[in-house]
Amino acid sequence: MSTRSSLFLLVLLFPPTWGQETPTCLSPASNGGPPNKAACCLEPGRQEESVDGVIYEYICNHYATNTNVFYHEVLNAYECAKKCSEEAGLCHAASWKPKASSSEGGRCFLAMAGFVEKPDRNGEWLLLVRTDRMEPVAGDPSHDYPQPGCEEEVDDAWTQCETVVDEYCEMRTAHMQQQLDAKDADLVNCMHFHALSFFFIATAYLFSGLV
């Protein structure tokens, strides 16, 4: 058998793994079971992922009280979170427990408002908490934050805005000062007019008395 044929058979028997991404905790591609939970517990504490645009917080070895008596048979943690999203008006959290006897699947209990987080001493449960936050949508102007490396442009724009505001304030102040000066001048002229009027009246009165 030629070397080229041998390599072709090896590729068929052992397909290359490059380009294949390891499923995350809430990945739809996960087969569920203990491997799915293990992917959720790679790091301690709370983690976040989105399911259909809704951000979920998940924490290993915890579960929620105030759950429904009935549970859902689901393939993985993603489907458990999706069940919660489908009942968004009632479901606020979900507890997912992978099947210990199988490498796939698990059970999903939905929790209502007022649920309480409880630690799982047996280390079997995964708690999924639905948040009110949504994943940013690409191209949405409400999420157009300055990109890394744009700090200088932002600072320049801010400086220009401050300059424009300062110039406008100076212009308004000068205009108001001119109006105030004009009113002061009118007041002085009015006082002079009244003083002159009083002088002429007094003079006329005195003159009439002398005559």
Foldseek 3Di string as FASTA:
>chain_A
DDPVVVVVVVCVVPPDCPPPDDAALQRPPDQAAPVSLVNPPPDADWDWDDQPFWIKIKHFQKEKPQWDPDKDKDWHPNVLVVVQVVPVVFFFKKKWFGDHVDRTITIIITHGPPIDMDGHPVRGIMMIGTDPHGDDDPPDVVPPDDDPPCPVVVVVVVVVVVVVVVVVVVVVVVVVVVVVVVVVVVVVVVVVVVVVVVVVVVVVVVVVVVD
